[in-house]
Amino acid sequence: MVNHIQICDDLDVQSNYQKEESNYESNYEQKKSNHQKLTKKQEDICNFCSVPRTSQEIMDRLGISNQSKNRQKYIGELLEMGVIEMTIPNNPKDKNQKYRKVKH
């Protein structure tokens, strides 16, 4: 009986590992496909961030105010897609935070 429980636990661990691996691959493919579906503004931001830029510089480039809703809409989405990254990822609210294009 104990051996049967151990085997079931081992199978659960293996199954969970396979699910996580599948989710990781799925997320990678999602980001990869999202990168190909950028809007013109998103492409512009991405290219503009080939040199690290502050959120204020990005918002100025777009001609919109540097409010949290605008930052989330334009910068947050690109961060989630994995096409830009923070220069200080351990401290997202750092006053010196900048964003740069992810190199592939």
PDB file of N, CA and C in Angstrom:
ATOM      1  N   MET A   1       0.825  -1.197   0.000  1.00  0.00           N
ATOM      2  CA  MET A   1       0.000   0.000   0.000  1.00  0.00           C
ATOM      3  C   MET A   1       0.864   1.253   0.000  1.00  0.00           C
ATOM      4  N   VAL A   2       1.914   1.288   0.796  1.00  0.00           N
ATOM      5  CA  VAL A   2       2.800   2.447   0.860  1.00  0.00           C
ATOM      6  C   VAL A   2       3.477   2.647  -0.493  1.00  0.00           C
ATOM      7  N   ASN A   3       3.903   1.577  -1.122  1.00  0.00           N
ATOM      8  CA  ASN A   3       4.550   1.689  -2.423  1.00  0.00           C
ATOM      9  C   ASN A   3       3.600   2.290  -3.456  1.00  0.00           C
ATOM     10  N   HIS A   4       2.344   1.905  -3.388  1.00  0.00           N
ATOM     11  CA  HIS A   4       1.356   2.436  -4.320  1.00  0.00           C
ATOM     12  C   HIS A   4       1.203   3.952  -4.136  1.00  0.00           C
ATOM     13  N   ILE A   5       1.179   4.415  -2.888  1.00  0.00           N
ATOM     14  CA  ILE A   5       1.069   5.852  -2.601  1.00  0.00           C
ATOM     15  C   ILE A   5       2.295   6.579  -3.124  1.00  0.00           C
ATOM     16  N   GLN A   6       3.475   6.016  -2.901  1.00  0.00           N
ATOM     17  CA  GLN A   6       4.717   6.640  -3.376  1.00  0.00           C
ATOM     18  C   GLN A   6       4.713   6.745  -4.902  1.00  0.00           C
ATOM     19  N   ILE A   7       4.285   5.715  -5.576  1.00  0.00           N
ATOM     20  CA  ILE A   7       4.230   5.722  -7.043  1.00  0.00           C
ATOM     21  C   ILE A   7       3.252   6.795  -7.522  1.00  0.00           C
ATOM     22  N   CYS A   8       2.101   6.902  -6.867  1.00  0.00           N
ATOM     23  CA  CYS A   8       1.113   7.921  -7.242  1.00  0.00           C
ATOM     24  C   CYS A   8       1.693   9.325  -7.027  1.00  0.00           C
ATOM     25  N   ASP A   9       2.391   9.526  -5.891  1.00  0.00           N
ATOM     26  CA  ASP A   9       3.011  10.826  -5.630  1.00  0.00           C
ATOM     27  C   ASP A   9       4.054  11.149  -6.693  1.00  0.00           C
ATOM     28  N   ASP A  10       4.867  10.157  -7.058  1.00  0.00           N
ATOM     29  CA  ASP A  10       5.884  10.357  -8.089  1.00  0.00           C
ATOM     30  C   ASP A  10       5.245  10.716  -9.428  1.00  0.00           C
ATOM     31  N   LEU A  11       4.134  10.059  -9.746  1.00  0.00           N
ATOM     32  CA  LEU A  11       3.437  10.359 -10.998  1.00  0.00           C
ATOM     33  C   LEU A  11       2.853  11.770 -10.977  1.00  0.00           C
ATOM     34  N   ASP A  12       2.324  12.200  -9.808  1.00  0.00           N
ATOM     35  CA  ASP A  12       1.790  13.555  -9.681  1.00  0.00           C
ATOM     36  C   ASP A  12       2.889  14.592  -9.883  1.00  0.00           C
ATOM     37  N   VAL A  13       4.048  14.366  -9.281  1.00  0.00           N
ATOM     38  CA  VAL A  13       5.178  15.283  -9.431  1.00  0.00           C
ATOM     39  C   VAL A  13       5.595  15.354 -10.898  1.00  0.00           C
ATOM     40  N   GLN A  14       5.701  14.207 -11.544  1.00  0.00           N
ATOM     41  CA  GLN A  14       6.083  14.162 -12.950  1.00  0.00           C
ATOM     42  C   GLN A  14       5.039  14.869 -13.808  1.00  0.00           C
ATOM     43  N   SER A  15       3.773  14.637 -13.534  1.00  0.00           N
ATOM     44  CA  SER A  15       2.696  15.270 -14.285  1.00  0.00           C
ATOM     45  C   SER A  15       2.732  16.784 -14.110  1.00  0.00           C
ATOM     46  N   ASN A  16       2.934  17.258 -12.869  1.00  0.00           N
ATOM     47  CA  ASN A  16       3.028  18.694 -12.613  1.00  0.00           C
ATOM     48  C   ASN A  16       4.223  19.302 -13.330  1.00  0.00           C
ATOM     49  N   TYR A  17       5.342  18.605 -13.346  1.00  0.00           N
ATOM     50  CA  TYR A  17       6.532  19.083 -14.043  1.00  0.00           C
ATOM     51  C   TYR A  17       6.243  19.228 -15.540  1.00  0.00           C
ATOM     52  N   GLN A  18       5.580  18.232 -16.116  1.00  0.00           N
ATOM     53  CA  GLN A  18       5.260  18.284 -17.542  1.00  0.00           C
ATOM     54  C   GLN A  18       4.308  19.437 -17.843  1.00  0.00           C
ATOM     55  N   LYS A  19       3.340  19.696 -16.949  1.00  0.00           N
ATOM     56  CA  LYS A  19       2.410  20.809 -17.139  1.00  0.00           C
ATOM     57  C   LYS A  19       3.163  22.140 -17.095  1.00  0.00           C
ATOM     58  N   GLU A  20       4.075  22.295 -16.118  1.00  0.00           N
ATOM     59  CA  GLU A  20       4.848  23.528 -16.003  1.00  0.00           C
ATOM     60  C   GLU A  20       5.706  23.734 -17.246  1.00  0.00           C
ATOM     61  N   GLU A  21       6.342  22.678 -17.708  1.00  0.00           N
ATOM     62  CA  GLU A  21       7.184  22.762 -18.898  1.00  0.00           C
ATOM     63  C   GLU A  21       6.341  23.155 -20.106  1.00  0.00           C
ATOM     64  N   SER A  22       5.159  22.561 -20.228  1.00  0.00           N
ATOM     65  CA  SER A  22       4.259  22.885 -21.330  1.00  0.00           C
ATOM     66  C   SER A  22       3.803  24.342 -21.247  1.00  0.00           C
ATOM     67  N   ASN A  23       3.480  24.820 -20.024  1.00  0.00           N
ATOM     68  CA  ASN A  23       3.076  26.215 -19.847  1.00  0.00           C
ATOM     69  C   ASN A  23       4.208  27.161 -20.208  1.00  0.00           C
ATOM     70  N   TYR A  24       5.439  26.818 -19.827  1.00  0.00           N
ATOM     71  CA  TYR A  24       6.593  27.652 -20.156  1.00  0.00           C
ATOM     72  C   TYR A  24       6.747  27.754 -21.670  1.00  0.00           C
ATOM     73  N   GLU A  25       6.653  26.623 -22.368  1.00  0.00           N
ATOM     74  CA  GLU A  25       6.776  26.628 -23.826  1.00  0.00           C
ATOM     75  C   GLU A  25       5.639  27.416 -24.453  1.00  0.00           C
ATOM     76  N   SER A  26       4.435  27.270 -23.919  1.00  0.00           N
ATOM     77  CA  SER A  26       3.275  27.994 -24.430  1.00  0.00           C
ATOM     78  C   SER A  26       3.457  29.498 -24.236  1.00  0.00           C
ATOM     79  N   ASN A  27       3.926  29.908 -23.046  1.00  0.00           N
ATOM     80  CA  ASN A  27       4.168  31.328 -22.783  1.00  0.00           C
ATOM     81  C   ASN A  27       5.241  31.883 -23.708  1.00  0.00           C
ATOM     82  N   TYR A  28       6.287  31.105 -23.961  1.00  0.00           N
ATOM     83  CA  TYR A  28       7.343  31.536 -24.856  1.00  0.00           C
ATOM     84  C   TYR A  28       6.798  31.742 -26.263  1.00  0.00           C
ATOM     85  N   GLU A  29       6.002  30.788 -26.735  1.00  0.00           N
ATOM     86  CA  GLU A  29       5.410  30.913 -28.078  1.00  0.00           C
ATOM     87  C   GLU A  29       4.453  32.096 -28.130  1.00  0.00           C
ATOM     88  N   GLN A  30       3.700  32.328 -27.037  1.00  0.00           N
ATOM     89  CA  GLN A  30       2.774  33.467 -26.975  1.00  0.00           C
ATOM     90  C   GLN A  30       3.550  34.772 -27.091  1.00  0.00           C
ATOM     91  N   LYS A  31       4.642  34.899 -26.334  1.00  0.00           N
ATOM     92  CA  LYS A  31       5.448  36.112 -26.404  1.00  0.00           C
ATOM     93  C   LYS A  31       6.050  36.286 -27.790  1.00  0.00           C
ATOM     94  N   LYS A  32       6.492  35.183 -28.362  1.00  0.00           N
ATOM     95  CA  LYS A  32       7.080  35.226 -29.694  1.00  0.00           C
ATOM     96  C   LYS A  32       6.051  35.700 -30.718  1.00  0.00           C
ATOM     97  N   SER A  33       4.820  35.185 -30.632  1.00  0.00           N
ATOM     98  CA  SER A  33       3.786  35.592 -31.581  1.00  0.00           C
ATOM     99  C   SER A  33       3.327  37.021 -31.297  1.00  0.00           C
ATOM    100  N   ASN A  34       3.286  37.424 -30.014  1.00  0.00           N
ATOM    101  CA  ASN A  34       2.912  38.795 -29.672  1.00  0.00           C
ATOM    102  C   ASN A  34       3.910  39.787 -30.255  1.00  0.00           C
ATOM    103  N   HIS A  35       5.176  39.399 -30.250  1.00  0.00           N
ATOM    104  CA  HIS A  35       6.210  40.284 -30.771  1.00  0.00           C
ATOM    105  C   HIS A  35       5.957  40.580 -32.247  1.00  0.00           C
ATOM    106  N   GLN A  36       5.377  39.643 -32.962  1.00  0.00           N
ATOM    107  CA  GLN A  36       5.104  39.830 -34.373  1.00  0.00           C
ATOM    108  C   GLN A  36       3.814  40.614 -34.595  1.00  0.00           C
ATOM    109  N   LYS A  37       2.998  40.832 -33.558  1.00  0.00           N
ATOM    110  CA  LYS A  37       1.710  41.506 -33.693  1.00  0.00           C
ATOM    111  C   LYS A  37       1.723  42.887 -33.042  1.00  0.00           C
ATOM    112  N   LEU A  38       2.835  43.578 -33.054  1.00  0.00           N
ATOM    113  CA  LEU A  38       2.921  44.888 -32.429  1.00  0.00           C
ATOM    114  C   LEU A  38       2.204  45.937 -33.279  1.00  0.00           C
ATOM    115  N   THR A  39       1.563  46.869 -32.579  1.00  0.00           N
ATOM    116  CA  THR A  39       0.959  47.995 -33.284  1.00  0.00           C
ATOM    117  C   THR A  39       2.071  48.943 -33.714  1.00  0.00           C
ATOM    118  N   LYS A  40       1.739  49.922 -34.518  1.00  0.00           N
ATOM    119  CA  LYS A  40       2.738  50.911 -34.969  1.00  0.00           C
ATOM    120  C   LYS A  40       3.337  51.655 -33.782  1.00  0.00           C
ATOM    121  N   LYS A  41       2.492  52.043 -32.812  1.00  0.00           N
ATOM    122  CA  LYS A  41       3.004  52.742 -31.625  1.00  0.00           C
ATOM    123  C   LYS A  41       3.936  51.840 -30.825  1.00  0.00           C
ATOM    124  N   GLN A  42       3.557  50.573 -30.684  1.00  0.00           N
ATOM    125  CA  GLN A  42       4.400  49.636 -29.940  1.00  0.00           C
ATOM    126  C   GLN A  42       5.730  49.430 -30.652  1.00  0.00           C
ATOM    127  N   GLU A  43       5.692  49.315 -31.968  1.00  0.00           N
ATOM    128  CA  GLU A  43       6.930  49.179 -32.734  1.00  0.00           C
ATOM    129  C   GLU A  43       7.801  50.413 -32.551  1.00  0.00           C
ATOM    130  N   ASP A  44       7.176  51.595 -32.572  1.00  0.00           N
ATOM    131  CA  ASP A  44       7.901  52.847 -32.399  1.00  0.00           C
ATOM    132  C   ASP A  44       8.577  52.886 -31.027  1.00  0.00           C
ATOM    133  N   ILE A  45       7.827  52.518 -29.979  1.00  0.00           N
ATOM    134  CA  ILE A  45       8.394  52.499 -28.625  1.00  0.00           C
ATOM    135  C   ILE A  45       9.562  51.524 -28.565  1.00  0.00           C
ATOM    136  N   CYS A  46       9.362  50.352 -29.124  1.00  0.00           N
ATOM    137  CA  CYS A  46      10.392  49.317 -29.099  1.00  0.00           C
ATOM    138  C   CYS A  46      11.674  49.823 -29.772  1.00  0.00           C
ATOM    139  N   ASN A  47      11.538  50.418 -30.943  1.00  0.00           N
ATOM    140  CA  ASN A  47      12.699  50.946 -31.649  1.00  0.00           C
ATOM    141  C   ASN A  47      13.316  52.128 -30.906  1.00  0.00           C
ATOM    142  N   PHE A  48      12.481  52.986 -30.335  1.00  0.00           N
ATOM    143  CA  PHE A  48      12.945  54.129 -29.553  1.00  0.00           C
ATOM    144  C   PHE A  48      13.764  53.672 -28.348  1.00  0.00           C
ATOM    145  N   CYS A  49      13.408  52.514 -27.802  1.00  0.00           N
ATOM    146  CA  CYS A  49      14.092  51.979 -26.614  1.00  0.00           C
ATOM    147  C   CYS A  49      15.317  51.134 -26.960  1.00  0.00           C
ATOM    148  N   SER A  50      15.828  51.267 -28.178  1.00  0.00           N
ATOM    149  CA  SER A  50      17.088  50.582 -28.491  1.00  0.00           C
ATOM    150  C   SER A  50      18.203  51.185 -27.632  1.00  0.00           C
ATOM    151  N   VAL A  51      17.967  52.412 -27.162  1.00  0.00           N
ATOM    152  CA  VAL A  51      18.788  53.065 -26.142  1.00  0.00           C
ATOM    153  C   VAL A  51      17.887  53.182 -24.919  1.00  0.00           C
ATOM    154  N   PRO A  52      18.357  52.851 -23.709  1.00  0.00           N
ATOM    155  CA  PRO A  52      17.483  52.922 -22.533  1.00  0.00           C
ATOM    156  C   PRO A  52      16.802  54.290 -22.392  1.00  0.00           C
ATOM    157  N   ARG A  53      15.486  54.269 -22.132  1.00  0.00           N
ATOM    158  CA  ARG A  53      14.675  55.492 -22.032  1.00  0.00           C
ATOM    159  C   ARG A  53      13.835  55.470 -20.761  1.00  0.00           C
ATOM    160  N   THR A  54      13.583  56.649 -20.201  1.00  0.00           N
ATOM    161  CA  THR A  54      12.688  56.764 -19.048  1.00  0.00           C
ATOM    162  C   THR A  54      11.246  56.702 -19.533  1.00  0.00           C
ATOM    163  N   SER A  55      10.332  56.485 -18.593  1.00  0.00           N
ATOM    164  CA  SER A  55       8.914  56.476 -18.973  1.00  0.00           C
ATOM    165  C   SER A  55       8.511  57.860 -19.493  1.00  0.00           C
ATOM    166  N   GLN A  56       9.086  58.908 -18.922  1.00  0.00           N
ATOM    167  CA  GLN A  56       8.767  60.264 -19.385  1.00  0.00           C
ATOM    168  C   GLN A  56       9.207  60.460 -20.838  1.00  0.00           C
ATOM    169  N   GLU A  57      10.384  59.978 -21.181  1.00  0.00           N
ATOM    170  CA  GLU A  57      10.854  60.095 -22.567  1.00  0.00           C
ATOM    171  C   GLU A  57       9.937  59.334 -23.529  1.00  0.00           C
ATOM    172  N   ILE A  58       9.490  58.159 -23.097  1.00  0.00           N
ATOM    173  CA  ILE A  58       8.606  57.354 -23.948  1.00  0.00           C
ATOM    174  C   ILE A  58       7.263  58.061 -24.136  1.00  0.00           C
ATOM    175  N   MET A  59       6.707  58.583 -23.046  1.00  0.00           N
ATOM    176  CA  MET A  59       5.418  59.280 -23.131  1.00  0.00           C
ATOM    177  C   MET A  59       5.548  60.559 -23.972  1.00  0.00           C
ATOM    178  N   ASP A  60       6.649  61.274 -23.824  1.00  0.00           N
ATOM    179  CA  ASP A  60       6.890  62.469 -24.641  1.00  0.00           C
ATOM    180  C   ASP A  60       6.948  62.094 -26.114  1.00  0.00           C
ATOM    181  N   ARG A  61       7.598  60.989 -26.411  1.00  0.00           N
ATOM    182  CA  ARG A  61       7.698  60.519 -27.795  1.00  0.00           C
ATOM    183  C   ARG A  61       6.308  60.266 -28.384  1.00  0.00           C
ATOM    184  N   LEU A  62       5.404  59.722 -27.554  1.00  0.00           N
ATOM    185  CA  LEU A  62       4.045  59.427 -28.006  1.00  0.00           C
ATOM    186  C   LEU A  62       3.132  60.646 -27.965  1.00  0.00           C
ATOM    187  N   GLY A  63       3.596  61.698 -27.277  1.00  0.00           N
ATOM    188  CA  GLY A  63       2.784  62.905 -27.162  1.00  0.00           C
ATOM    189  C   GLY A  63       1.631  62.762 -26.193  1.00  0.00           C
ATOM    190  N   ILE A  64       1.805  61.938 -25.171  1.00  0.00           N
ATOM    191  CA  ILE A  64       0.762  61.742 -24.156  1.00  0.00           C
ATOM    192  C   ILE A  64       1.334  61.960 -22.760  1.00  0.00           C
ATOM    193  N   SER A  65       0.448  62.169 -21.783  1.00  0.00           N
ATOM    194  CA  SER A  65       0.882  62.443 -20.415  1.00  0.00           C
ATOM    195  C   SER A  65       1.466  61.192 -19.760  1.00  0.00           C
ATOM    196  N   ASN A  66       2.363  61.426 -18.820  1.00  0.00           N
ATOM    197  CA  ASN A  66       3.040  60.335 -18.113  1.00  0.00           C
ATOM    198  C   ASN A  66       2.225  59.910 -16.892  1.00  0.00           C
ATOM    199  N   GLN A  67       1.012  59.439 -17.134  1.00  0.00           N
ATOM    200  CA  GLN A  67       0.142  58.957 -16.058  1.00  0.00           C
ATOM    201  C   GLN A  67       0.231  57.438 -15.993  1.00  0.00           C
ATOM    202  N   SER A  68      -0.116  56.898 -14.830  1.00  0.00           N
ATOM    203  CA  SER A  68       0.011  55.449 -14.628  1.00  0.00           C
ATOM    204  C   SER A  68      -0.797  54.643 -15.643  1.00  0.00           C
ATOM    205  N   LYS A  69      -1.995  55.119 -16.014  1.00  0.00           N
ATOM    206  CA  LYS A  69      -2.803  54.367 -16.980  1.00  0.00           C
ATOM    207  C   LYS A  69      -2.119  54.325 -18.350  1.00  0.00           C
ATOM    208  N   ASN A  70      -1.462  55.420 -18.730  1.00  0.00           N
ATOM    209  CA  ASN A  70      -0.743  55.445 -20.006  1.00  0.00           C
ATOM    210  C   ASN A  70       0.515  54.583 -19.949  1.00  0.00           C
ATOM    211  N   ARG A  71       1.206  54.635 -18.815  1.00  0.00           N
ATOM    212  CA  ARG A  71       2.405  53.793 -18.666  1.00  0.00           C
ATOM    213  C   ARG A  71       2.025  52.319 -18.754  1.00  0.00           C
ATOM    214  N   GLN A  72       0.926  51.939 -18.094  1.00  0.00           N
ATOM    215  CA  GLN A  72       0.493  50.537 -18.142  1.00  0.00           C
ATOM    216  C   GLN A  72       0.101  50.145 -19.555  1.00  0.00           C
ATOM    217  N   LYS A  73      -0.627  51.023 -20.228  1.00  0.00           N
ATOM    218  CA  LYS A  73      -1.110  50.709 -21.571  1.00  0.00           C
ATOM    219  C   LYS A  73       0.040  50.539 -22.561  1.00  0.00           C
ATOM    220  N   TYR A  74       1.007  51.429 -22.524  1.00  0.00           N
ATOM    221  CA  TYR A  74       2.063  51.401 -23.531  1.00  0.00           C
ATOM    222  C   TYR A  74       3.327  50.683 -23.074  1.00  0.00           C
ATOM    223  N   ILE A  75       3.773  50.938 -21.871  1.00  0.00           N
ATOM    224  CA  ILE A  75       5.005  50.299 -21.393  1.00  0.00           C
ATOM    225  C   ILE A  75       4.706  48.942 -20.778  1.00  0.00           C
ATOM    226  N   GLY A  76       3.675  48.871 -19.928  1.00  0.00           N
ATOM    227  CA  GLY A  76       3.327  47.620 -19.243  1.00  0.00           C
ATOM    228  C   GLY A  76       3.040  46.482 -20.199  1.00  0.00           C
ATOM    229  N   GLU A  77       2.296  46.762 -21.255  1.00  0.00           N
ATOM    230  CA  GLU A  77       1.985  45.712 -22.228  1.00  0.00           C
ATOM    231  C   GLU A  77       3.247  45.188 -22.903  1.00  0.00           C
ATOM    232  N   LEU A  78       4.157  46.091 -23.249  1.00  0.00           N
ATOM    233  CA  LEU A  78       5.405  45.661 -23.906  1.00  0.00           C
ATOM    234  C   LEU A  78       6.291  44.872 -22.945  1.00  0.00           C
ATOM    235  N   LEU A  79       6.262  45.233 -21.668  1.00  0.00           N
ATOM    236  CA  LEU A  79       7.004  44.463 -20.662  1.00  0.00           C
ATOM    237  C   LEU A  79       6.437  43.049 -20.564  1.00  0.00           C
ATOM    238  N   GLU A  80       5.102  42.950 -20.515  1.00  0.00           N
ATOM    239  CA  GLU A  80       4.449  41.639 -20.419  1.00  0.00           C
ATOM    240  C   GLU A  80       4.725  40.787 -21.657  1.00  0.00           C
ATOM    241  N   MET A  81       4.787  41.429 -22.812  1.00  0.00           N
ATOM    242  CA  MET A  81       5.079  40.701 -24.047  1.00  0.00           C
ATOM    243  C   MET A  81       6.545  40.264 -24.119  1.00  0.00           C
ATOM    244  N   GLY A  82       7.368  40.900 -23.318  1.00  0.00           N
ATOM    245  CA  GLY A  82       8.783  40.539 -23.314  1.00  0.00           C
ATOM    246  C   GLY A  82       9.589  41.199 -24.422  1.00  0.00           C
ATOM    247  N   VAL A  83       9.090  42.308 -24.980  1.00  0.00           N
ATOM    248  CA  VAL A  83       9.837  42.977 -26.045  1.00  0.00           C
ATOM    249  C   VAL A  83      10.679  44.134 -25.536  1.00  0.00           C
ATOM    250  N   ILE A  84      10.334  44.659 -24.348  1.00  0.00           N
ATOM    251  CA  ILE A  84      11.209  45.608 -23.665  1.00  0.00           C
ATOM    252  C   ILE A  84      11.419  45.093 -22.248  1.00  0.00           C
ATOM    253  N   GLU A  85      12.450  45.599 -21.590  1.00  0.00           N
ATOM    254  CA  GLU A  85      12.751  45.183 -20.221  1.00  0.00           C
ATOM    255  C   GLU A  85      13.191  46.383 -19.398  1.00  0.00           C
ATOM    256  N   MET A  86      13.117  46.245 -18.088  1.00  0.00           N
ATOM    257  CA  MET A  86      13.554  47.291 -17.174  1.00  0.00           C
ATOM    258  C   MET A  86      15.065  47.213 -17.013  1.00  0.00           C
ATOM    259  N   THR A  87      15.691  48.385 -16.845  1.00  0.00           N
ATOM    260  CA  THR A  87      17.124  48.391 -16.577  1.00  0.00           C
ATOM    261  C   THR A  87      17.398  48.066 -15.110  1.00  0.00           C
ATOM    262  N   ILE A  88      16.402  48.265 -14.249  1.00  0.00           N
ATOM    263  CA  ILE A  88      16.524  47.948 -12.813  1.00  0.00           C
ATOM    264  C   ILE A  88      15.336  47.055 -12.435  1.00  0.00           C
ATOM    265  N   PRO A  89      15.337  45.792 -12.872  1.00  0.00           N
ATOM    266  CA  PRO A  89      14.170  44.926 -12.661  1.00  0.00           C
ATOM    267  C   PRO A  89      13.868  44.618 -11.191  1.00  0.00           C
ATOM    268  N   ASN A  90      14.867  44.683 -10.319  1.00  0.00           N
ATOM    269  CA  ASN A  90      14.638  44.377  -8.897  1.00  0.00           C
ATOM    270  C   ASN A  90      13.906  45.497  -8.170  1.00  0.00           C
ATOM    271  N   ASN A  91      13.843  46.684  -8.790  1.00  0.00           N
ATOM    272  CA  ASN A  91      13.192  47.829  -8.160  1.00  0.00           C
ATOM    273  C   ASN A  91      12.411  48.612  -9.216  1.00  0.00           C
ATOM    274  N   PRO A  92      11.216  48.135  -9.587  1.00  0.00           N
ATOM    275  CA  PRO A  92      10.447  48.750 -10.677  1.00  0.00           C
ATOM    276  C   PRO A  92      10.135  50.234 -10.491  1.00  0.00           C
ATOM    277  N   LYS A  93      10.055  50.707  -9.245  1.00  0.00           N
ATOM    278  CA  LYS A  93       9.697  52.103  -8.993  1.00  0.00           C
ATOM    279  C   LYS A  93      10.911  53.001  -8.768  1.00  0.00           C
ATOM    280  N   ASP A  94      12.089  52.500  -9.066  1.00  0.00           N
ATOM    281  CA  ASP A  94      13.310  53.290  -8.909  1.00  0.00           C
ATOM    282  C   ASP A  94      13.220  54.566  -9.749  1.00  0.00           C
ATOM    283  N   LYS A  95      13.642  55.682  -9.184  1.00  0.00           N
ATOM    284  CA  LYS A  95      13.550  56.949  -9.914  1.00  0.00           C
ATOM    285  C   LYS A  95      14.447  56.970 -11.148  1.00  0.00           C
ATOM    286  N   ASN A  96      15.425  56.093 -11.187  1.00  0.00           N
ATOM    287  CA  ASN A  96      16.326  56.009 -12.348  1.00  0.00           C
ATOM    288  C   ASN A  96      15.941  54.890 -13.316  1.00  0.00           C
ATOM    289  N   GLN A  97      14.731  54.345 -13.140  1.00  0.00           N
ATOM    290  CA  GLN A  97      14.278  53.239 -13.989  1.00  0.00           C
ATOM    291  C   GLN A  97      14.202  53.665 -15.445  1.00  0.00           C
ATOM    292  N   LYS A  98      14.718  52.815 -16.299  1.00  0.00           N
ATOM    293  CA  LYS A  98      14.626  53.026 -17.738  1.00  0.00           C
ATOM    294  C   LYS A  98      14.192  51.722 -18.377  1.00  0.00           C
ATOM    295  N   TYR A  99      13.822  51.812 -19.631  1.00  0.00           N
ATOM    296  CA  TYR A  99      13.334  50.661 -20.371  1.00  0.00           C
ATOM    297  C   TYR A  99      14.155  50.535 -21.651  1.00  0.00           C
ATOM    298  N   ARG A 100      14.488  49.302 -21.995  1.00  0.00           N
ATOM    299  CA  ARG A 100      15.263  49.054 -23.217  1.00  0.00           C
ATOM    300  C   ARG A 100      14.700  47.872 -23.966  1.00  0.00           C
ATOM    301  N   LYS A 101      14.970  47.877 -25.256  1.00  0.00           N
ATOM    302  CA  LYS A 101      14.544  46.800 -26.139  1.00  0.00           C
ATOM    303  C   LYS A 101      15.276  45.530 -25.753  1.00  0.00           C
ATOM    304  N   VAL A 102      14.559  44.412 -25.733  1.00  0.00           N
ATOM    305  CA  VAL A 102      15.162  43.124 -25.422  1.00  0.00           C
ATOM    306  C   VAL A 102      15.928  42.650 -26.663  1.00  0.00           C
ATOM    307  N   LYS A 103      17.148  42.233 -26.431  1.00  0.00           N
ATOM    308  CA  LYS A 103      17.961  41.725 -27.531  1.00  0.00           C
ATOM    309  C   LYS A 103      17.705  40.250 -27.686  1.00  0.00           C
ATOM    310  N   HIS A 104      17.438  39.816 -28.906  1.00  0.00           N
ATOM    311  CA  HIS A 104      17.172  38.390 -29.186  1.00  0.00           C
ATOM    312  C   HIS A 104      18.360  37.750 -29.835  1.00  0.00           C
TER     313      HIS A 104
END
